[in-house]
Amino acid sequence: MTYETLELKVENRVARLTLNRPKALNAMNLEMMMELRALADEMDAREDVSVVVMQGAGRAFCAGMDLKWSESLTKKDRVESNRIGQKTFNRLANMEKPLIAAVHGYVLGGALELALAADFIVAREDAQLGLPEITLSAHPPYRPKITADGDPDQPEFGGSAPGWGGLTRLPERVGIARAKEMLFTGIRLNAARALEFGLVNAVWPEAEFEKEVAELATRIGAMNLYNLRLVKELVNRRYDLVEGHPS
């Protein structure tokens, strides 16, 4: 299949999935969401792929939701966009193949929620990770300059929060207390702090990042495809293997 917003390369059982909208810092639009779902289906169907590495082209892993897409949404569409994001990231999280997010630069908002759909995250030392949505309607000086008048998506009554799975996946990754710290403050974690939190598994300098990611993916890719699928399913479903298959 040919993708417009993604680039896919497969070699030695390792699939490299690259978010490929570098001029927009790989911000996610509806087309990318649909292509991510299609790619997950393709990856599960391919017997020449044992592991998938998800990365971003250019200066950042991903800038979150595309502003042009966001600005075009009606109130009804905005609710539906949450459902689209959740369905897309759930599909990625439920892939049969191991999925690694290899992130650099900005990994904020929806971008972190995308990375959290992976089995684990590794980071380049320049990565900044966080869910800053709560700051968009905060009082100064914590409100970003780009939303000087407040968050345009904030409802008149009630509240808004990350909507693409981060509220459940982040606590699973870092624990409830640290997840609440991140969500209540909207802080950005640098790569070293993200490693301390347990949000990422490893941090590497830029000069070593590609080599380390490749070595990690190659090692996983060398494992038996069916055993990888079995182990991922057992771990995700909190099962133990009581008896192996007879042979």
C-alpha atoms as a PDB file:
ATOM      1  CA  MET A   1       0.000   0.000   0.000  1.00  0.00           C
ATOM      2  CA  THR A   2       1.142   3.539  -0.756  1.00  0.00           C
ATOM      3  CA  TYR A   3       0.908   6.117   2.033  1.00  0.00           C
ATOM      4  CA  GLU A   4       0.836   9.905   1.671  1.00  0.00           C
ATOM      5  CA  THR A   5       1.670  10.944   5.242  1.00  0.00           C
ATOM      6  CA  LEU A   6       3.765   7.949   6.262  1.00  0.00           C
ATOM      7  CA  GLU A   7       6.918   6.324   4.956  1.00  0.00           C
ATOM      8  CA  LEU A   8       7.470   2.592   5.374  1.00  0.00           C
ATOM      9  CA  LYS A   9      10.673   0.614   4.918  1.00  0.00           C
ATOM     10  CA  VAL A  10      11.097  -3.072   5.765  1.00  0.00           C
ATOM     11  CA  GLU A  11      14.453  -4.793   6.121  1.00  0.00           C
ATOM     12  CA  ASN A  12      15.529  -7.907   8.044  1.00  0.00           C
ATOM     13  CA  ARG A  13      12.097  -8.282   9.699  1.00  0.00           C
ATOM     14  CA  VAL A  14      12.207  -4.681  11.002  1.00  0.00           C
ATOM     15  CA  ALA A  15       9.625  -2.186   9.713  1.00  0.00           C
ATOM     16  CA  ARG A  16      10.551   1.478   9.966  1.00  0.00           C
ATOM     17  CA  LEU A  17       7.391   3.598  10.111  1.00  0.00           C
ATOM     18  CA  THR A  18       8.174   7.292   9.689  1.00  0.00           C
ATOM     19  CA  LEU A  19       5.648  10.061  10.246  1.00  0.00           C
ATOM     20  CA  ASN A  20       6.396  12.003   7.091  1.00  0.00           C
ATOM     21  CA  ARG A  21       5.002  15.541   7.269  1.00  0.00           C
ATOM     22  CA  PRO A  22       8.244  17.279   8.295  1.00  0.00           C
ATOM     23  CA  LYS A  23       7.154  20.760   7.148  1.00  0.00           C
ATOM     24  CA  ALA A  24       4.289  20.521   9.655  1.00  0.00           C
ATOM     25  CA  LEU A  25       6.506  18.867  12.304  1.00  0.00           C
ATOM     26  CA  ASN A  26       4.600  15.661  11.507  1.00  0.00           C
ATOM     27  CA  ALA A  27       1.401  17.031  13.021  1.00  0.00           C
ATOM     28  CA  MET A  28      -1.436  14.540  12.764  1.00  0.00           C
ATOM     29  CA  ASN A  29      -4.373  15.191  10.473  1.00  0.00           C
ATOM     30  CA  LEU A  30      -7.317  12.984   9.551  1.00  0.00           C
ATOM     31  CA  GLU A  31      -5.427  11.452   6.628  1.00  0.00           C
ATOM     32  CA  MET A  32      -2.553  10.381   8.872  1.00  0.00           C
ATOM     33  CA  MET A  33      -4.991   8.883  11.380  1.00  0.00           C
ATOM     34  CA  MET A  34      -6.597   6.755   8.694  1.00  0.00           C
ATOM     35  CA  GLU A  35      -3.227   5.727   7.282  1.00  0.00           C
ATOM     36  CA  LEU A  36      -1.952   4.683  10.710  1.00  0.00           C
ATOM     37  CA  ARG A  37      -4.905   2.319  11.034  1.00  0.00           C
ATOM     38  CA  ALA A  38      -4.303   0.876   7.583  1.00  0.00           C
ATOM     39  CA  LEU A  39      -0.619   0.440   8.320  1.00  0.00           C
ATOM     40  CA  ALA A  40      -1.385  -1.440  11.555  1.00  0.00           C
ATOM     41  CA  ASP A  41      -3.527  -3.853   9.550  1.00  0.00           C
ATOM     42  CA  GLU A  42      -0.739  -4.271   6.997  1.00  0.00           C
ATOM     43  CA  MET A  43       1.898  -4.901   9.652  1.00  0.00           C
ATOM     44  CA  ASP A  44      -0.151  -7.624  11.330  1.00  0.00           C
ATOM     45  CA  ALA A  45      -0.722  -9.326   7.984  1.00  0.00           C
ATOM     46  CA  ARG A  46       2.939  -9.356   6.902  1.00  0.00           C
ATOM     47  CA  GLU A  47       4.994 -12.395   7.819  1.00  0.00           C
ATOM     48  CA  ASP A  48       8.240 -10.605   6.891  1.00  0.00           C
ATOM     49  CA  VAL A  49       7.787  -8.110   9.760  1.00  0.00           C
ATOM     50  CA  SER A  50       8.532  -9.008  13.390  1.00  0.00           C
ATOM     51  CA  VAL A  51       8.837  -5.540  14.943  1.00  0.00           C
ATOM     52  CA  VAL A  52       7.811  -1.989  14.011  1.00  0.00           C
ATOM     53  CA  VAL A  53       9.771   1.169  14.885  1.00  0.00           C
ATOM     54  CA  MET A  54       7.744   4.407  14.768  1.00  0.00           C
ATOM     55  CA  GLN A  55       9.699   7.635  14.321  1.00  0.00           C
ATOM     56  CA  GLY A  56       9.308  11.136  12.909  1.00  0.00           C
ATOM     57  CA  ALA A  57      10.984  12.832   9.959  1.00  0.00           C
ATOM     58  CA  GLY A  58      12.782  16.148  10.388  1.00  0.00           C
ATOM     59  CA  ARG A  59      13.099  18.242  13.538  1.00  0.00           C
ATOM     60  CA  ALA A  60      10.511  16.537  15.746  1.00  0.00           C
ATOM     61  CA  PHE A  61       8.762  13.254  16.328  1.00  0.00           C
ATOM     62  CA  CYS A  62       5.353  14.913  16.117  1.00  0.00           C
ATOM     63  CA  ALA A  63       3.720  18.238  17.004  1.00  0.00           C
ATOM     64  CA  GLY A  64       0.426  16.658  18.027  1.00  0.00           C
ATOM     65  CA  MET A  65      -2.844  17.489  16.310  1.00  0.00           C
ATOM     66  CA  ASP A  66      -2.606  19.521  13.115  1.00  0.00           C
ATOM     67  CA  LEU A  67      -3.896  23.055  13.812  1.00  0.00           C
ATOM     68  CA  LYS A  68      -5.489  23.322  10.381  1.00  0.00           C
ATOM     69  CA  TRP A  69      -7.497  20.192  11.075  1.00  0.00           C
ATOM     70  CA  SER A  70      -8.408  21.435  14.558  1.00  0.00           C
ATOM     71  CA  GLU A  71      -9.515  24.861  13.303  1.00  0.00           C
ATOM     72  CA  SER A  72     -11.774  23.284  10.678  1.00  0.00           C
ATOM     73  CA  LEU A  73     -13.784  21.233  13.196  1.00  0.00           C
ATOM     74  CA  THR A  74     -17.328  21.986  14.258  1.00  0.00           C
ATOM     75  CA  LYS A  75     -18.355  21.220  17.848  1.00  0.00           C
ATOM     76  CA  LYS A  76     -19.738  17.886  16.659  1.00  0.00           C
ATOM     77  CA  ASP A  77     -16.599  17.151  14.641  1.00  0.00           C
ATOM     78  CA  ARG A  78     -14.453  17.904  17.686  1.00  0.00           C
ATOM     79  CA  VAL A  79     -16.182  15.183  19.685  1.00  0.00           C
ATOM     80  CA  GLU A  80     -15.759  12.810  16.760  1.00  0.00           C
ATOM     81  CA  SER A  81     -12.056  13.696  16.479  1.00  0.00           C
ATOM     82  CA  ASN A  82     -11.570  12.366  20.012  1.00  0.00           C
ATOM     83  CA  ARG A  83     -13.199   9.110  18.981  1.00  0.00           C
ATOM     84  CA  ILE A  84     -11.039   8.934  15.849  1.00  0.00           C
ATOM     85  CA  GLY A  85      -7.854   9.445  17.862  1.00  0.00           C
ATOM     86  CA  GLN A  86      -8.834   6.881  20.466  1.00  0.00           C
ATOM     87  CA  LYS A  87      -9.780   4.276  17.859  1.00  0.00           C
ATOM     88  CA  THR A  88      -6.561   4.879  15.930  1.00  0.00           C
ATOM     89  CA  PHE A  89      -4.262   4.637  18.935  1.00  0.00           C
ATOM     90  CA  ASN A  90      -6.158   1.629  20.283  1.00  0.00           C
ATOM     91  CA  ARG A  91      -5.551  -0.083  16.948  1.00  0.00           C
ATOM     92  CA  LEU A  92      -1.827   0.639  17.205  1.00  0.00           C
ATOM     93  CA  ALA A  93      -1.709  -0.525  20.825  1.00  0.00           C
ATOM     94  CA  ASN A  94      -3.429  -3.769  19.829  1.00  0.00           C
ATOM     95  CA  MET A  95      -1.076  -4.596  16.968  1.00  0.00           C
ATOM     96  CA  GLU A  96       0.174  -8.172  17.144  1.00  0.00           C
ATOM     97  CA  LYS A  97       3.728  -7.038  16.417  1.00  0.00           C
ATOM     98  CA  PRO A  98       5.875  -5.193  18.975  1.00  0.00           C
ATOM     99  CA  LEU A  99       5.772  -1.447  18.359  1.00  0.00           C
ATOM    100  CA  ILE A 100       8.603   0.828  19.543  1.00  0.00           C
ATOM    101  CA  ALA A 101       8.301   4.634  19.529  1.00  0.00           C
ATOM    102  CA  ALA A 102      11.717   6.219  18.864  1.00  0.00           C
ATOM    103  CA  VAL A 103      11.172   9.900  19.619  1.00  0.00           C
ATOM    104  CA  HIS A 104      13.106  13.145  19.335  1.00  0.00           C
ATOM    105  CA  GLY A 105      12.336  16.844  19.582  1.00  0.00           C
ATOM    106  CA  TYR A 106       8.742  17.721  20.452  1.00  0.00           C
ATOM    107  CA  VAL A 107       6.574  14.880  21.779  1.00  0.00           C
ATOM    108  CA  LEU A 108       3.708  16.924  23.219  1.00  0.00           C
ATOM    109  CA  GLY A 109      -0.033  16.474  23.551  1.00  0.00           C
ATOM    110  CA  GLY A 110      -1.409  14.073  20.988  1.00  0.00           C
ATOM    111  CA  ALA A 111       2.156  13.163  19.994  1.00  0.00           C
ATOM    112  CA  LEU A 112       2.836  11.714  23.441  1.00  0.00           C
ATOM    113  CA  GLU A 113      -0.509   9.924  23.345  1.00  0.00           C
ATOM    114  CA  LEU A 114       0.594   8.402  20.029  1.00  0.00           C
ATOM    115  CA  ALA A 115       3.927   7.325  21.509  1.00  0.00           C
ATOM    116  CA  LEU A 116       2.138   5.827  24.522  1.00  0.00           C
ATOM    117  CA  ALA A 117       0.278   3.508  22.144  1.00  0.00           C
ATOM    118  CA  ALA A 118       3.635   1.816  21.505  1.00  0.00           C
ATOM    119  CA  ASP A 119       4.871  -1.022  23.690  1.00  0.00           C
ATOM    120  CA  PHE A 120       7.623   1.256  24.940  1.00  0.00           C
ATOM    121  CA  ILE A 121       9.389   4.513  24.097  1.00  0.00           C
ATOM    122  CA  VAL A 122      13.071   5.310  23.581  1.00  0.00           C
ATOM    123  CA  ALA A 123      14.230   8.902  23.270  1.00  0.00           C
ATOM    124  CA  ARG A 124      16.958  11.056  21.809  1.00  0.00           C
ATOM    125  CA  GLU A 125      18.471  13.358  24.424  1.00  0.00           C
ATOM    126  CA  ASP A 126      16.754  16.430  22.909  1.00  0.00           C
ATOM    127  CA  ALA A 127      13.225  15.052  23.362  1.00  0.00           C
ATOM    128  CA  GLN A 128      10.593  17.038  25.271  1.00  0.00           C
ATOM    129  CA  LEU A 129       7.606  15.010  26.404  1.00  0.00           C
ATOM    130  CA  GLY A 130       4.366  16.109  28.029  1.00  0.00           C
ATOM    131  CA  LEU A 131       0.609  16.535  27.965  1.00  0.00           C
ATOM    132  CA  PRO A 132       0.290  20.337  28.198  1.00  0.00           C
ATOM    133  CA  GLU A 133      -3.435  20.580  27.363  1.00  0.00           C
ATOM    134  CA  ILE A 134      -4.391  21.860  30.817  1.00  0.00           C
ATOM    135  CA  THR A 135      -2.167  24.931  30.394  1.00  0.00           C
ATOM    136  CA  LEU A 136      -4.121  26.176  27.361  1.00  0.00           C
ATOM    137  CA  SER A 137      -6.771  27.727  29.614  1.00  0.00           C
ATOM    138  CA  ALA A 138      -4.538  28.368  32.650  1.00  0.00           C
ATOM    139  CA  HIS A 139      -4.039  31.732  34.318  1.00  0.00           C
ATOM    140  CA  PRO A 140      -0.836  33.641  33.447  1.00  0.00           C
ATOM    141  CA  PRO A 141       2.063  33.043  33.491  1.00  0.00           C
ATOM    142  CA  TYR A 142       1.403  29.370  32.763  1.00  0.00           C
ATOM    143  CA  ARG A 143      -0.826  29.887  29.746  1.00  0.00           C
ATOM    144  CA  PRO A 144       1.100  29.631  26.432  1.00  0.00           C
ATOM    145  CA  LYS A 145       1.442  32.856  24.461  1.00  0.00           C
ATOM    146  CA  ILE A 146      -0.276  31.242  21.492  1.00  0.00           C
ATOM    147  CA  THR A 147      -3.500  31.088  23.534  1.00  0.00           C
ATOM    148  CA  ALA A 148      -3.412  34.549  25.113  1.00  0.00           C
ATOM    149  CA  ASP A 149      -7.225  34.601  25.228  1.00  0.00           C
ATOM    150  CA  GLY A 150      -7.525  31.089  26.586  1.00  0.00           C
ATOM    151  CA  ASP A 151      -8.086  27.713  24.972  1.00  0.00           C
ATOM    152  CA  PRO A 152     -10.591  28.072  22.098  1.00  0.00           C
ATOM    153  CA  ASP A 153     -11.656  24.466  22.725  1.00  0.00           C
ATOM    154  CA  GLN A 154     -12.463  25.044  26.408  1.00  0.00           C
ATOM    155  CA  PRO A 155     -16.228  24.617  26.915  1.00  0.00           C
ATOM    156  CA  GLU A 156     -18.160  27.377  28.650  1.00  0.00           C
ATOM    157  CA  PHE A 157     -19.092  24.941  31.415  1.00  0.00           C
ATOM    158  CA  GLY A 158     -17.217  21.774  32.276  1.00  0.00           C
ATOM    159  CA  GLY A 159     -13.665  21.020  31.319  1.00  0.00           C
ATOM    160  CA  SER A 160     -11.429  19.512  28.686  1.00  0.00           C
ATOM    161  CA  ALA A 161      -8.574  17.031  28.989  1.00  0.00           C
ATOM    162  CA  PRO A 162      -6.336  14.920  26.765  1.00  0.00           C
ATOM    163  CA  GLY A 163      -8.665  12.842  24.621  1.00  0.00           C
ATOM    164  CA  TRP A 164      -6.594  10.292  22.721  1.00  0.00           C
ATOM    165  CA  GLY A 165      -5.881   7.725  25.418  1.00  0.00           C
ATOM    166  CA  GLY A 166      -3.254   9.507  27.491  1.00  0.00           C
ATOM    167  CA  LEU A 167      -5.406   9.594  30.610  1.00  0.00           C
ATOM    168  CA  THR A 168      -5.306   5.808  30.878  1.00  0.00           C
ATOM    169  CA  ARG A 169      -1.984   4.923  29.244  1.00  0.00           C
ATOM    170  CA  LEU A 170       0.143   7.494  31.077  1.00  0.00           C
ATOM    171  CA  PRO A 171      -0.719   6.199  34.589  1.00  0.00           C
ATOM    172  CA  GLU A 172      -0.081   2.651  33.386  1.00  0.00           C
ATOM    173  CA  ARG A 173       3.373   3.734  32.237  1.00  0.00           C
ATOM    174  CA  VAL A 174       4.572   5.995  35.061  1.00  0.00           C
ATOM    175  CA  GLY A 175       2.176   5.344  37.951  1.00  0.00           C
ATOM    176  CA  ILE A 176      -0.820   7.371  39.083  1.00  0.00           C
ATOM    177  CA  ALA A 177       1.001   9.961  41.207  1.00  0.00           C
ATOM    178  CA  ARG A 178       3.532  10.916  38.540  1.00  0.00           C
ATOM    179  CA  ALA A 179       0.848  10.899  35.860  1.00  0.00           C
ATOM    180  CA  LYS A 180      -1.207  13.318  37.947  1.00  0.00           C
ATOM    181  CA  GLU A 181       1.830  15.554  38.405  1.00  0.00           C
ATOM    182  CA  MET A 182       2.286  15.726  34.639  1.00  0.00           C
ATOM    183  CA  LEU A 183      -1.427  16.190  33.924  1.00  0.00           C
ATOM    184  CA  PHE A 184      -2.144  18.737  36.671  1.00  0.00           C
ATOM    185  CA  THR A 185       0.835  20.956  35.773  1.00  0.00           C
ATOM    186  CA  GLY A 186       1.193  20.365  32.024  1.00  0.00           C
ATOM    187  CA  ILE A 187       4.980  20.228  32.477  1.00  0.00           C
ATOM    188  CA  ARG A 188       7.356  19.191  29.746  1.00  0.00           C
ATOM    189  CA  LEU A 189       9.821  16.512  30.737  1.00  0.00           C
ATOM    190  CA  ASN A 190      13.254  16.527  29.181  1.00  0.00           C
ATOM    191  CA  ALA A 191      14.562  13.121  28.147  1.00  0.00           C
ATOM    192  CA  ALA A 192      16.557  12.572  31.352  1.00  0.00           C
ATOM    193  CA  ARG A 193      13.535  13.380  33.545  1.00  0.00           C
ATOM    194  CA  ALA A 194      11.314  11.175  31.364  1.00  0.00           C
ATOM    195  CA  LEU A 195      13.748   8.319  31.953  1.00  0.00           C
ATOM    196  CA  GLU A 196      13.586   8.939  35.713  1.00  0.00           C
ATOM    197  CA  PHE A 197       9.774   8.867  35.542  1.00  0.00           C
ATOM    198  CA  GLY A 198       9.817   5.573  33.636  1.00  0.00           C
ATOM    199  CA  LEU A 199       8.102   7.207  30.679  1.00  0.00           C
ATOM    200  CA  VAL A 200      10.934   6.173  28.352  1.00  0.00           C
ATOM    201  CA  ASN A 201      13.094   3.058  28.506  1.00  0.00           C
ATOM    202  CA  ALA A 202      16.359   4.581  27.277  1.00  0.00           C
ATOM    203  CA  VAL A 203      17.908   7.915  26.292  1.00  0.00           C
ATOM    204  CA  TRP A 204      20.735   8.228  23.760  1.00  0.00           C
ATOM    205  CA  PRO A 205      22.759  11.152  22.363  1.00  0.00           C
ATOM    206  CA  GLU A 206      21.938  12.279  18.841  1.00  0.00           C
ATOM    207  CA  ALA A 207      25.182  10.820  17.451  1.00  0.00           C
ATOM    208  CA  GLU A 208      24.311   7.359  18.782  1.00  0.00           C
ATOM    209  CA  PHE A 209      20.520   7.390  18.525  1.00  0.00           C
ATOM    210  CA  GLU A 210      20.006   5.764  15.139  1.00  0.00           C
ATOM    211  CA  LYS A 211      22.591   3.067  15.823  1.00  0.00           C
ATOM    212  CA  GLU A 212      21.102   2.201  19.201  1.00  0.00           C
ATOM    213  CA  VAL A 213      17.542   2.121  17.856  1.00  0.00           C
ATOM    214  CA  ALA A 214      18.641  -0.088  14.961  1.00  0.00           C
ATOM    215  CA  GLU A 215      20.444  -2.498  17.287  1.00  0.00           C
ATOM    216  CA  LEU A 216      17.427  -2.733  19.580  1.00  0.00           C
ATOM    217  CA  ALA A 217      15.030  -3.326  16.700  1.00  0.00           C
ATOM    218  CA  THR A 218      17.345  -5.858  15.065  1.00  0.00           C
ATOM    219  CA  ARG A 219      17.571  -7.847  18.295  1.00  0.00           C
ATOM    220  CA  ILE A 220      13.794  -7.968  18.712  1.00  0.00           C
ATOM    221  CA  GLY A 221      13.346  -8.675  15.002  1.00  0.00           C
ATOM    222  CA  ALA A 222      15.574 -11.736  15.337  1.00  0.00           C
ATOM    223  CA  MET A 223      13.124 -13.356  17.754  1.00  0.00           C
ATOM    224  CA  ASN A 224      10.532 -15.867  16.608  1.00  0.00           C
ATOM    225  CA  LEU A 225       7.584 -13.962  15.147  1.00  0.00           C
ATOM    226  CA  TYR A 226       4.977 -16.193  16.738  1.00  0.00           C
ATOM    227  CA  ASN A 227       6.624 -16.115  20.155  1.00  0.00           C
ATOM    228  CA  LEU A 228       6.711 -12.308  20.030  1.00  0.00           C
ATOM    229  CA  ARG A 229       3.017 -12.262  19.196  1.00  0.00           C
ATOM    230  CA  LEU A 230       2.238 -14.739  21.986  1.00  0.00           C
ATOM    231  CA  VAL A 231       4.264 -12.898  24.638  1.00  0.00           C
ATOM    232  CA  LYS A 232       2.739  -9.521  23.738  1.00  0.00           C
ATOM    233  CA  GLU A 233      -0.771 -10.948  23.930  1.00  0.00           C
ATOM    234  CA  LEU A 234      -0.113 -12.636  27.276  1.00  0.00           C
ATOM    235  CA  VAL A 235       1.445  -9.521  28.818  1.00  0.00           C
ATOM    236  CA  ASN A 236      -1.258  -7.174  27.515  1.00  0.00           C
ATOM    237  CA  ARG A 237      -4.045  -9.436  28.775  1.00  0.00           C
ATOM    238  CA  ARG A 238      -2.289 -10.097  32.101  1.00  0.00           C
ATOM    239  CA  TYR A 239      -2.202 -13.828  31.432  1.00  0.00           C
ATOM    240  CA  ASP A 240       0.374 -16.472  32.250  1.00  0.00           C
ATOM    241  CA  LEU A 241       1.226 -19.326  29.919  1.00  0.00           C
ATOM    242  CA  VAL A 242       0.120 -22.381  31.895  1.00  0.00           C
ATOM    243  CA  GLU A 243       0.926 -25.018  29.287  1.00  0.00           C
ATOM    244  CA  GLY A 244       2.848 -24.643  26.068  1.00  0.00           C
ATOM    245  CA  HIS A 245       1.669 -25.970  22.724  1.00  0.00           C
ATOM    246  CA  PRO A 246       2.404 -29.686  22.259  1.00  0.00           C
ATOM    247  CA  SER A 247       4.997 -30.466  19.612  1.00  0.00           C
END
